[in-house]
Amino acid sequence: MSLDTVVEDIREEARARAEEIRSEGEERYEEIVSEAERDAEDIRSEAEREVQRTIEQEREQKLSSAKLEAKQQRLEARREVLEDVRDDVEAQIAGLSGDEREELTRSLLDAAVEEFEDAESVRVHGAADDQELLESLVDEYDGYEVGEPVDCLGGVVVESDESRVRVNNTFDSVLEDVWEDNLREISARLFEE
């Protein structure tokens, strides 16, 4: 065997080994690329799912926020309507006059008098515009006098120093009681619930 043949055999082995290494390298390259593409697709799919979840969460939050805001606006509007109705009722009560006002004031005073049966001196307070009416009503009771006016729509506040009792039978207090007792029904009628 000549040196040329040995060199040629070594070269042939080297070429075969180089071809084998190149072929393995290409296979490995294809595997790495394929694996990288799969990973990239998985990452892209996960990112899309995450974006969809984020979009859904934000949509739900905005929808909930919008519903809450709408509910608050609706409640505020209802509250304003109820306040307007209450203001209208107060205006109508304040506008009572003549026999109707006298009759209501008399019945409120009569109801309060029961608390002061043993009192020797009793003061009756009312609206400033009702002083004359109160004077005529207290003349019917011994030991009763008209006191300083109070800020109210009408009716009476009756008190006695002896018993330390104070009865608030003003139109305002009666309206407050009736309003609170019937607020649910008033609201249901106004808003057809």
N, C-alpha and C. Protein backbone atom coordinates (compact mmCIF):
# COMPACT_ATOMS: atom_id res chain seq x y z
N MET A 1 0.84 -1.14 0.00
CA MET A 1 0.00 0.00 0.00
C MET A 1 0.90 1.21 0.00
N SER A 2 0.53 2.03 -0.85
CA SER A 2 1.40 3.19 -1.01
C SER A 2 0.91 4.33 -0.13
N LEU A 3 1.72 5.23 0.03
CA LEU A 3 1.42 6.39 0.86
C LEU A 3 0.26 7.16 0.25
N ASP A 4 0.22 7.21 -1.04
CA ASP A 4 -0.89 7.93 -1.70
C ASP A 4 -2.21 7.23 -1.40
N THR A 5 -2.20 5.95 -1.39
CA THR A 5 -3.43 5.20 -1.12
C THR A 5 -3.85 5.44 0.32
N VAL A 6 -2.94 5.45 1.24
CA VAL A 6 -3.26 5.68 2.65
C VAL A 6 -3.81 7.09 2.81
N VAL A 7 -3.18 8.03 2.14
CA VAL A 7 -3.64 9.42 2.22
C VAL A 7 -5.04 9.50 1.64
N GLU A 8 -5.21 8.81 0.50
CA GLU A 8 -6.52 8.83 -0.16
C GLU A 8 -7.55 8.17 0.75
N ASP A 9 -7.23 7.10 1.42
CA ASP A 9 -8.18 6.43 2.34
C ASP A 9 -8.52 7.35 3.51
N ILE A 10 -7.51 8.03 4.03
CA ILE A 10 -7.75 8.95 5.15
C ILE A 10 -8.63 10.09 4.69
N ARG A 11 -8.34 10.57 3.47
CA ARG A 11 -9.17 11.67 2.94
C ARG A 11 -10.60 11.19 2.75
N GLU A 12 -10.73 9.96 2.23
CA GLU A 12 -12.06 9.40 1.99
C GLU A 12 -12.80 9.26 3.32
N GLU A 13 -12.12 8.79 4.35
CA GLU A 13 -12.72 8.64 5.67
C GLU A 13 -13.08 10.02 6.23
N ALA A 14 -12.20 10.98 6.03
CA ALA A 14 -12.45 12.34 6.50
C ALA A 14 -13.65 12.92 5.81
N ARG A 15 -13.75 12.70 4.46
CA ARG A 15 -14.92 13.20 3.71
C ARG A 15 -16.20 12.53 4.21
N ALA A 16 -16.13 11.23 4.42
CA ALA A 16 -17.31 10.49 4.89
C ALA A 16 -17.71 11.00 6.28
N ARG A 17 -16.66 11.17 7.12
CA ARG A 17 -16.95 11.66 8.47
C ARG A 17 -17.49 13.09 8.41
N ALA A 18 -16.95 13.92 7.54
CA ALA A 18 -17.43 15.30 7.38
C ALA A 18 -18.87 15.29 6.88
N GLU A 19 -19.17 14.40 5.93
CA GLU A 19 -20.53 14.29 5.38
C GLU A 19 -21.48 13.84 6.49
N GLU A 20 -21.02 12.89 7.29
CA GLU A 20 -21.83 12.38 8.39
C GLU A 20 -22.09 13.50 9.40
N ILE A 21 -21.05 14.26 9.74
CA ILE A 21 -21.19 15.38 10.69
C ILE A 21 -22.11 16.43 10.11
N ARG A 22 -21.95 16.75 8.81
CA ARG A 22 -22.81 17.74 8.16
C ARG A 22 -24.25 17.28 8.17
N SER A 23 -24.46 15.99 7.86
CA SER A 23 -25.80 15.43 7.83
C SER A 23 -26.42 15.46 9.23
N GLU A 24 -25.65 15.08 10.25
CA GLU A 24 -26.14 15.14 11.63
C GLU A 24 -26.42 16.59 12.02
N GLY A 25 -25.57 17.49 11.58
CA GLY A 25 -25.75 18.91 11.87
C GLY A 25 -27.03 19.44 11.25
N GLU A 26 -27.29 19.03 9.98
CA GLU A 26 -28.52 19.47 9.31
C GLU A 26 -29.74 18.90 10.00
N GLU A 27 -29.66 17.62 10.41
CA GLU A 27 -30.79 17.01 11.13
C GLU A 27 -31.02 17.75 12.44
N ARG A 28 -29.93 18.00 13.15
CA ARG A 28 -30.06 18.70 14.42
C ARG A 28 -30.58 20.11 14.20
N TYR A 29 -30.11 20.77 13.15
CA TYR A 29 -30.60 22.11 12.79
C TYR A 29 -32.09 22.06 12.54
N GLU A 30 -32.55 21.06 11.78
CA GLU A 30 -33.98 20.92 11.46
C GLU A 30 -34.78 20.68 12.75
N GLU A 31 -34.23 19.84 13.64
CA GLU A 31 -34.90 19.57 14.92
C GLU A 31 -35.01 20.85 15.75
N ILE A 32 -33.90 21.61 15.85
CA ILE A 32 -33.88 22.85 16.62
C ILE A 32 -34.85 23.86 16.04
N VAL A 33 -34.84 24.01 14.70
CA VAL A 33 -35.76 24.95 14.05
C VAL A 33 -37.20 24.51 14.30
N SER A 34 -37.46 23.22 14.13
CA SER A 34 -38.82 22.70 14.33
C SER A 34 -39.27 22.91 15.78
N GLU A 35 -38.37 22.60 16.73
CA GLU A 35 -38.69 22.80 18.14
C GLU A 35 -38.90 24.28 18.44
N ALA A 36 -38.07 25.13 17.89
CA ALA A 36 -38.21 26.58 18.09
C ALA A 36 -39.52 27.08 17.52
N GLU A 37 -39.91 26.55 16.35
CA GLU A 37 -41.19 26.96 15.74
C GLU A 37 -42.36 26.50 16.61
N ARG A 38 -42.28 25.27 17.15
CA ARG A 38 -43.33 24.79 18.05
C ARG A 38 -43.41 25.67 19.30
N ASP A 39 -42.22 25.95 19.88
CA ASP A 39 -42.18 26.82 21.07
C ASP A 39 -42.76 28.20 20.76
N ALA A 40 -42.37 28.73 19.62
CA ALA A 40 -42.87 30.05 19.22
C ALA A 40 -44.38 30.02 19.06
N GLU A 41 -44.91 28.96 18.46
CA GLU A 41 -46.36 28.82 18.28
C GLU A 41 -47.05 28.70 19.64
N ASP A 42 -46.46 27.92 20.55
CA ASP A 42 -47.02 27.79 21.90
C ASP A 42 -47.02 29.14 22.61
N ILE A 43 -45.90 29.84 22.50
CA ILE A 43 -45.80 31.16 23.14
C ILE A 43 -46.82 32.12 22.54
N ARG A 44 -46.95 32.12 21.21
CA ARG A 44 -47.92 32.98 20.54
C ARG A 44 -49.35 32.64 20.97
N SER A 45 -49.65 31.34 21.02
CA SER A 45 -50.99 30.90 21.43
C SER A 45 -51.28 31.31 22.87
N GLU A 46 -50.30 31.11 23.75
CA GLU A 46 -50.48 31.51 25.15
C GLU A 46 -50.64 33.02 25.27
N ALA A 47 -49.86 33.77 24.51
CA ALA A 47 -49.97 35.23 24.52
C ALA A 47 -51.35 35.65 24.04
N GLU A 48 -51.86 35.00 22.99
CA GLU A 48 -53.21 35.32 22.49
C GLU A 48 -54.26 35.02 23.55
N ARG A 49 -54.13 33.85 24.22
CA ARG A 49 -55.08 33.51 25.28
C ARG A 49 -55.01 34.55 26.42
N GLU A 50 -53.80 34.94 26.77
CA GLU A 50 -53.62 35.93 27.84
C GLU A 50 -54.23 37.27 27.44
N VAL A 51 -54.01 37.67 26.20
CA VAL A 51 -54.61 38.92 25.70
C VAL A 51 -56.13 38.81 25.74
N GLN A 52 -56.68 37.66 25.34
CA GLN A 52 -58.14 37.47 25.36
C GLN A 52 -58.66 37.53 26.80
N ARG A 53 -57.93 36.88 27.74
CA ARG A 53 -58.34 36.94 29.14
C ARG A 53 -58.31 38.37 29.66
N THR A 54 -57.25 39.08 29.33
CA THR A 54 -57.14 40.48 29.77
C THR A 54 -58.26 41.32 29.18
N ILE A 55 -58.52 41.14 27.90
CA ILE A 55 -59.62 41.88 27.25
C ILE A 55 -60.94 41.55 27.92
N GLU A 56 -61.18 40.28 28.20
CA GLU A 56 -62.43 39.86 28.83
C GLU A 56 -62.56 40.45 30.23
N GLN A 57 -61.46 40.41 30.99
CA GLN A 57 -61.49 40.98 32.34
C GLN A 57 -61.77 42.48 32.30
N GLU A 58 -61.10 43.18 31.40
CA GLU A 58 -61.31 44.63 31.29
C GLU A 58 -62.73 44.93 30.85
N ARG A 59 -63.25 44.12 29.92
CA ARG A 59 -64.62 44.31 29.46
C ARG A 59 -65.60 44.10 30.61
N GLU A 60 -65.38 43.04 31.39
CA GLU A 60 -66.25 42.76 32.54
C GLU A 60 -66.16 43.88 33.57
N GLN A 61 -64.94 44.36 33.83
CA GLN A 61 -64.77 45.45 34.79
C GLN A 61 -65.48 46.71 34.31
N LYS A 62 -65.32 47.04 33.04
CA LYS A 62 -65.96 48.24 32.51
C LYS A 62 -67.48 48.08 32.50
N LEU A 63 -67.95 46.88 32.18
CA LEU A 63 -69.38 46.63 32.18
C LEU A 63 -69.93 46.75 33.60
N SER A 64 -69.24 46.15 34.56
CA SER A 64 -69.67 46.25 35.96
C SER A 64 -69.64 47.70 36.43
N SER A 65 -68.60 48.40 36.06
CA SER A 65 -68.48 49.80 36.44
C SER A 65 -69.60 50.63 35.83
N ALA A 66 -69.90 50.37 34.57
CA ALA A 66 -70.97 51.10 33.89
C ALA A 66 -72.32 50.78 34.52
N LYS A 67 -72.55 49.51 34.87
CA LYS A 67 -73.81 49.13 35.52
C LYS A 67 -73.94 49.82 36.87
N LEU A 68 -72.84 49.83 37.64
CA LEU A 68 -72.87 50.47 38.95
C LEU A 68 -73.13 51.97 38.81
N GLU A 69 -72.47 52.60 37.85
CA GLU A 69 -72.67 54.03 37.63
C GLU A 69 -74.11 54.32 37.22
N ALA A 70 -74.65 53.47 36.34
CA ALA A 70 -76.05 53.65 35.91
C ALA A 70 -77.00 53.48 37.09
N LYS A 71 -76.72 52.50 37.94
CA LYS A 71 -77.57 52.28 39.11
C LYS A 71 -77.49 53.47 40.05
N GLN A 72 -76.28 54.00 40.25
CA GLN A 72 -76.12 55.17 41.12
C GLN A 72 -76.84 56.38 40.55
N GLN A 73 -76.77 56.56 39.24
CA GLN A 73 -77.47 57.69 38.61
C GLN A 73 -78.98 57.51 38.75
N ARG A 74 -79.45 56.28 38.57
CA ARG A 74 -80.88 56.01 38.70
C ARG A 74 -81.34 56.29 40.14
N LEU A 75 -80.54 55.84 41.12
CA LEU A 75 -80.89 56.09 42.53
C LEU A 75 -80.86 57.58 42.85
N GLU A 76 -79.88 58.28 42.31
CA GLU A 76 -79.79 59.74 42.52
C GLU A 76 -81.00 60.44 41.91
N ALA A 77 -81.40 60.01 40.72
CA ALA A 77 -82.57 60.60 40.06
C ALA A 77 -83.83 60.33 40.89
N ARG A 78 -83.94 59.11 41.40
CA ARG A 78 -85.10 58.78 42.25
C ARG A 78 -85.10 59.63 43.52
N ARG A 79 -83.93 59.77 44.11
CA ARG A 79 -83.82 60.58 45.33
C ARG A 79 -84.25 62.02 45.06
N GLU A 80 -83.82 62.56 43.92
CA GLU A 80 -84.19 63.92 43.56
C GLU A 80 -85.70 64.05 43.33
N VAL A 81 -86.29 63.05 42.68
CA VAL A 81 -87.75 63.07 42.46
C VAL A 81 -88.47 63.01 43.80
N LEU A 82 -88.01 62.13 44.69
CA LEU A 82 -88.64 62.04 46.01
C LEU A 82 -88.50 63.35 46.79
N GLU A 83 -87.34 63.99 46.68
CA GLU A 83 -87.15 65.29 47.34
C GLU A 83 -88.10 66.33 46.76
N ASP A 84 -88.27 66.32 45.43
CA ASP A 84 -89.19 67.26 44.79
C ASP A 84 -90.62 67.02 45.26
N VAL A 85 -91.02 65.75 45.35
CA VAL A 85 -92.37 65.42 45.82
C VAL A 85 -92.52 65.90 47.27
N ARG A 86 -91.50 65.63 48.09
CA ARG A 86 -91.57 66.05 49.49
C ARG A 86 -91.67 67.57 49.58
N ASP A 87 -90.89 68.28 48.77
CA ASP A 87 -90.95 69.75 48.75
C ASP A 87 -92.34 70.23 48.35
N ASP A 88 -92.93 69.57 47.36
CA ASP A 88 -94.28 69.94 46.92
C ASP A 88 -95.30 69.72 48.03
N VAL A 89 -95.17 68.59 48.73
CA VAL A 89 -96.09 68.29 49.84
C VAL A 89 -95.93 69.34 50.94
N GLU A 90 -94.68 69.67 51.27
CA GLU A 90 -94.44 70.69 52.29
C GLU A 90 -95.04 72.03 51.88
N ALA A 91 -94.90 72.39 50.61
CA ALA A 91 -95.46 73.65 50.13
C ALA A 91 -96.99 73.64 50.24
N GLN A 92 -97.59 72.51 49.93
CA GLN A 92 -99.05 72.41 50.04
C GLN A 92 -99.49 72.51 51.50
N ILE A 93 -98.74 71.86 52.38
CA ILE A 93 -99.08 71.92 53.81
C ILE A 93 -98.89 73.34 54.34
N ALA A 94 -97.79 73.98 53.96
CA ALA A 94 -97.54 75.35 54.40
C ALA A 94 -98.62 76.29 53.88
N GLY A 95 -99.19 75.97 52.75
CA GLY A 95 -100.21 76.81 52.13
C GLY A 95 -101.61 76.59 52.66
N LEU A 96 -101.78 75.64 53.58
CA LEU A 96 -103.11 75.42 54.16
C LEU A 96 -103.56 76.71 54.86
N SER A 97 -104.83 77.00 54.75
CA SER A 97 -105.31 78.22 55.38
C SER A 97 -106.75 78.05 55.84
N GLY A 98 -107.24 79.05 56.49
CA GLY A 98 -108.64 79.11 56.89
C GLY A 98 -109.05 77.99 57.83
N ASP A 99 -110.26 77.49 57.59
CA ASP A 99 -110.85 76.47 58.46
C ASP A 99 -110.03 75.18 58.47
N GLU A 100 -109.46 74.83 57.33
CA GLU A 100 -108.68 73.59 57.25
C GLU A 100 -107.45 73.68 58.16
N ARG A 101 -106.76 74.81 58.11
CA ARG A 101 -105.57 75.00 58.96
C ARG A 101 -105.98 75.02 60.43
N GLU A 102 -107.07 75.72 60.73
CA GLU A 102 -107.54 75.79 62.11
C GLU A 102 -107.93 74.41 62.63
N GLU A 103 -108.64 73.64 61.84
CA GLU A 103 -109.07 72.31 62.26
C GLU A 103 -107.88 71.39 62.54
N LEU A 104 -106.89 71.40 61.63
CA LEU A 104 -105.70 70.57 61.83
C LEU A 104 -104.91 71.01 63.06
N THR A 105 -104.75 72.30 63.23
CA THR A 105 -104.00 72.81 64.37
C THR A 105 -104.73 72.47 65.67
N ARG A 106 -106.04 72.61 65.68
CA ARG A 106 -106.84 72.28 66.87
C ARG A 106 -106.68 70.80 67.23
N SER A 107 -106.74 69.91 66.22
CA SER A 107 -106.63 68.48 66.52
C SER A 107 -105.23 68.13 67.05
N LEU A 108 -104.21 68.80 66.54
CA LEU A 108 -102.85 68.55 67.04
C LEU A 108 -102.69 69.08 68.46
N LEU A 109 -103.29 70.23 68.75
CA LEU A 109 -103.25 70.78 70.10
C LEU A 109 -104.02 69.88 71.06
N ASP A 110 -105.21 69.44 70.66
CA ASP A 110 -106.02 68.55 71.52
C ASP A 110 -105.26 67.26 71.84
N ALA A 111 -104.53 66.71 70.87
CA ALA A 111 -103.75 65.49 71.10
C ALA A 111 -102.61 65.75 72.08
N ALA A 112 -102.02 66.94 72.03
CA ALA A 112 -100.90 67.26 72.92
C ALA A 112 -101.38 67.57 74.33
N VAL A 113 -102.57 68.14 74.48
CA VAL A 113 -103.10 68.53 75.79
C VAL A 113 -103.18 67.34 76.74
N GLU A 114 -103.42 66.16 76.22
CA GLU A 114 -103.52 64.96 77.05
C GLU A 114 -102.27 64.74 77.89
N GLU A 115 -101.13 65.18 77.42
CA GLU A 115 -99.87 65.00 78.14
C GLU A 115 -99.70 66.00 79.29
N PHE A 116 -100.56 67.03 79.34
CA PHE A 116 -100.36 68.11 80.31
C PHE A 116 -101.57 68.30 81.23
N GLU A 117 -102.24 67.23 81.59
CA GLU A 117 -103.45 67.33 82.41
C GLU A 117 -103.18 67.93 83.78
N ASP A 118 -102.04 67.65 84.37
CA ASP A 118 -101.73 68.14 85.72
C ASP A 118 -100.91 69.42 85.73
N ALA A 119 -100.54 69.93 84.59
CA ALA A 119 -99.69 71.11 84.53
C ALA A 119 -100.51 72.37 84.77
N GLU A 120 -99.90 73.31 85.52
CA GLU A 120 -100.59 74.56 85.81
C GLU A 120 -100.35 75.60 84.73
N SER A 121 -99.15 75.59 84.13
CA SER A 121 -98.89 76.55 83.05
C SER A 121 -98.24 75.81 81.89
N VAL A 122 -98.80 76.05 80.73
CA VAL A 122 -98.34 75.35 79.53
C VAL A 122 -98.16 76.39 78.43
N ARG A 123 -97.05 76.26 77.71
CA ARG A 123 -96.80 77.16 76.57
C ARG A 123 -97.02 76.40 75.26
N VAL A 124 -97.64 77.10 74.35
CA VAL A 124 -97.92 76.53 73.03
C VAL A 124 -97.17 77.38 72.01
N HIS A 125 -96.32 76.74 71.25
CA HIS A 125 -95.54 77.42 70.22
C HIS A 125 -96.05 76.94 68.85
N GLY A 126 -95.87 77.80 67.87
CA GLY A 126 -96.26 77.44 66.51
C GLY A 126 -95.55 78.34 65.53
N ALA A 127 -95.97 78.23 64.28
CA ALA A 127 -95.37 79.06 63.23
C ALA A 127 -95.69 80.53 63.50
N ALA A 128 -94.80 81.42 63.09
CA ALA A 128 -94.98 82.85 63.32
C ALA A 128 -96.29 83.35 62.71
N ASP A 129 -96.66 82.82 61.56
CA ASP A 129 -97.90 83.25 60.90
C ASP A 129 -99.15 82.74 61.61
N ASP A 130 -99.00 81.79 62.53
CA ASP A 130 -100.16 81.20 63.22
C ASP A 130 -100.38 81.78 64.61
N GLN A 131 -99.69 82.84 64.98
CA GLN A 131 -99.79 83.37 66.34
C GLN A 131 -101.23 83.75 66.70
N GLU A 132 -101.91 84.38 65.78
CA GLU A 132 -103.30 84.79 66.05
C GLU A 132 -104.19 83.56 66.22
N LEU A 133 -104.02 82.57 65.36
CA LEU A 133 -104.79 81.33 65.45
C LEU A 133 -104.52 80.64 66.79
N LEU A 134 -103.26 80.58 67.19
CA LEU A 134 -102.90 79.92 68.44
C LEU A 134 -103.51 80.66 69.64
N GLU A 135 -103.51 82.00 69.58
CA GLU A 135 -104.13 82.80 70.66
C GLU A 135 -105.59 82.39 70.83
N SER A 136 -106.31 82.25 69.74
CA SER A 136 -107.74 81.90 69.84
C SER A 136 -107.93 80.47 70.36
N LEU A 137 -107.01 79.57 70.01
CA LEU A 137 -107.15 78.18 70.45
C LEU A 137 -106.80 78.01 71.93
N VAL A 138 -105.73 78.66 72.41
CA VAL A 138 -105.32 78.47 73.81
C VAL A 138 -106.29 79.12 74.79
N ASP A 139 -107.14 80.06 74.31
CA ASP A 139 -108.14 80.66 75.18
C ASP A 139 -109.11 79.61 75.72
N GLU A 140 -109.18 78.47 75.05
CA GLU A 140 -110.12 77.41 75.45
C GLU A 140 -109.54 76.55 76.58
N TYR A 141 -108.27 76.77 76.94
CA TYR A 141 -107.62 75.94 77.95
C TYR A 141 -107.10 76.83 79.09
N ASP A 142 -107.38 76.43 80.33
CA ASP A 142 -106.89 77.18 81.50
C ASP A 142 -105.39 76.95 81.67
N GLY A 143 -104.68 78.03 81.93
CA GLY A 143 -103.25 77.94 82.20
C GLY A 143 -102.39 77.82 80.95
N TYR A 144 -102.98 77.95 79.78
CA TYR A 144 -102.23 77.84 78.52
C TYR A 144 -101.96 79.24 77.98
N GLU A 145 -100.77 79.42 77.41
CA GLU A 145 -100.43 80.68 76.77
C GLU A 145 -99.60 80.40 75.53
N VAL A 146 -99.57 81.37 74.65
CA VAL A 146 -98.79 81.23 73.41
C VAL A 146 -97.36 81.67 73.70
N GLY A 147 -96.42 80.81 73.30
CA GLY A 147 -95.00 81.11 73.49
C GLY A 147 -94.38 81.66 72.22
N GLU A 148 -93.07 81.73 72.22
CA GLU A 148 -92.33 82.25 71.06
C GLU A 148 -92.58 81.36 69.83
N PRO A 149 -92.59 81.97 68.67
CA PRO A 149 -92.77 81.17 67.45
C PRO A 149 -91.61 80.20 67.24
N VAL A 150 -91.91 79.10 66.59
CA VAL A 150 -90.87 78.12 66.22
C VAL A 150 -90.89 77.99 64.69
N ASP A 151 -89.78 77.55 64.16
CA ASP A 151 -89.66 77.37 62.71
C ASP A 151 -90.32 76.06 62.32
N CYS A 152 -91.53 76.16 61.79
CA CYS A 152 -92.25 74.96 61.35
C CYS A 152 -93.29 75.37 60.31
N LEU A 153 -93.88 74.37 59.68
CA LEU A 153 -94.91 74.62 58.67
C LEU A 153 -96.24 74.97 59.30
N GLY A 154 -96.44 74.58 60.51
CA GLY A 154 -97.69 74.81 61.22
C GLY A 154 -97.81 73.77 62.32
N GLY A 155 -98.97 73.76 62.99
CA GLY A 155 -99.14 72.83 64.10
C GLY A 155 -98.64 73.45 65.38
N VAL A 156 -98.34 72.60 66.37
CA VAL A 156 -97.97 73.11 67.68
C VAL A 156 -96.81 72.34 68.31
N VAL A 157 -96.07 73.06 69.13
CA VAL A 157 -95.11 72.46 70.06
C VAL A 157 -95.58 72.91 71.43
N VAL A 158 -95.87 71.93 72.28
CA VAL A 158 -96.44 72.24 73.59
C VAL A 158 -95.45 71.78 74.65
N GLU A 159 -95.24 72.67 75.67
CA GLU A 159 -94.30 72.33 76.73
C GLU A 159 -94.72 72.94 78.05
N SER A 160 -94.19 72.33 79.10
CA SER A 160 -94.46 72.82 80.44
C SER A 160 -93.20 72.65 81.27
N ASP A 161 -92.86 73.68 82.04
CA ASP A 161 -91.67 73.60 82.89
C ASP A 161 -91.88 72.61 84.03
N GLU A 162 -93.10 72.47 84.49
CA GLU A 162 -93.39 71.60 85.62
C GLU A 162 -93.15 70.14 85.29
N SER A 163 -93.52 69.72 84.10
CA SER A 163 -93.40 68.30 83.78
C SER A 163 -92.21 67.99 82.87
N ARG A 164 -91.56 69.03 82.40
CA ARG A 164 -90.41 68.87 81.50
C ARG A 164 -90.77 68.03 80.26
N VAL A 165 -92.01 68.04 79.94
CA VAL A 165 -92.49 67.32 78.75
C VAL A 165 -92.59 68.32 77.62
N ARG A 166 -92.21 67.88 76.46
CA ARG A 166 -92.33 68.72 75.25
C ARG A 166 -92.92 67.83 74.16
N VAL A 167 -94.06 68.24 73.66
CA VAL A 167 -94.74 67.47 72.61
C VAL A 167 -94.64 68.24 71.31
N ASN A 168 -94.06 67.58 70.31
CA ASN A 168 -93.90 68.20 68.99
C ASN A 168 -94.99 67.64 68.08
N ASN A 169 -96.06 68.39 67.95
CA ASN A 169 -97.16 68.03 67.05
C ASN A 169 -97.24 69.04 65.91
N THR A 170 -96.10 69.30 65.31
CA THR A 170 -96.10 70.23 64.18
C THR A 170 -96.46 69.48 62.91
N PHE A 171 -96.87 70.24 61.91
CA PHE A 171 -97.15 69.64 60.61
C PHE A 171 -95.89 68.92 60.11
N ASP A 172 -94.73 69.51 60.41
CA ASP A 172 -93.45 68.92 59.99
C ASP A 172 -93.25 67.53 60.56
N SER A 173 -93.51 67.39 61.89
CA SER A 173 -93.28 66.10 62.54
C SER A 173 -94.29 65.06 62.06
N VAL A 174 -95.54 65.49 61.84
CA VAL A 174 -96.54 64.57 61.31
C VAL A 174 -96.16 64.14 59.90
N LEU A 175 -95.75 65.10 59.08
CA LEU A 175 -95.31 64.77 57.72
C LEU A 175 -94.13 63.80 57.76
N GLU A 176 -93.18 64.04 58.64
CA GLU A 176 -92.00 63.17 58.74
C GLU A 176 -92.41 61.74 59.07
N ASP A 177 -93.32 61.59 60.04
CA ASP A 177 -93.79 60.25 60.41
C ASP A 177 -94.52 59.57 59.25
N VAL A 178 -95.42 60.31 58.63
CA VAL A 178 -96.19 59.75 57.50
C VAL A 178 -95.24 59.43 56.35
N TRP A 179 -94.31 60.31 56.09
CA TRP A 179 -93.36 60.10 54.97
C TRP A 179 -92.54 58.83 55.20
N GLU A 180 -91.98 58.70 56.41
CA GLU A 180 -91.15 57.52 56.71
C GLU A 180 -91.98 56.24 56.67
N ASP A 181 -93.19 56.30 57.20
CA ASP A 181 -94.04 55.10 57.21
C ASP A 181 -94.48 54.68 55.81
N ASN A 182 -94.55 55.63 54.89
CA ASN A 182 -95.09 55.34 53.55
C ASN A 182 -94.09 55.52 52.42
N LEU A 183 -92.83 55.71 52.75
CA LEU A 183 -91.82 55.98 51.73
C LEU A 183 -91.74 54.86 50.69
N ARG A 184 -91.78 53.63 51.14
CA ARG A 184 -91.70 52.50 50.21
C ARG A 184 -92.88 52.52 49.23
N GLU A 185 -94.07 52.76 49.75
CA GLU A 185 -95.26 52.80 48.89
C GLU A 185 -95.20 54.01 47.94
N ILE A 186 -94.74 55.13 48.45
CA ILE A 186 -94.61 56.33 47.61
C ILE A 186 -93.63 56.05 46.48
N SER A 187 -92.52 55.47 46.82
CA SER A 187 -91.49 55.13 45.82
C SER A 187 -92.04 54.15 44.79
N ALA A 188 -92.76 53.14 45.26
CA ALA A 188 -93.34 52.14 44.34
C ALA A 188 -94.33 52.79 43.38
N ARG A 189 -95.13 53.70 43.89
CA ARG A 189 -96.10 54.37 43.01
C ARG A 189 -95.41 55.27 41.99
N LEU A 190 -94.42 56.02 42.46
CA LEU A 190 -93.73 56.95 41.57
C LEU A 190 -92.94 56.22 40.49
N PHE A 191 -92.34 55.10 40.87
CA PHE A 191 -91.43 54.43 39.94
C PHE A 191 -91.97 53.09 39.44
N GLU A 192 -93.24 52.83 39.73
CA GLU A 192 -93.94 51.63 39.25
C GLU A 192 -93.12 50.37 39.45
N GLU A 193 -92.74 50.15 40.69
CA GLU A 193 -91.92 48.96 41.03
C GLU A 193 -92.82 47.79 41.29
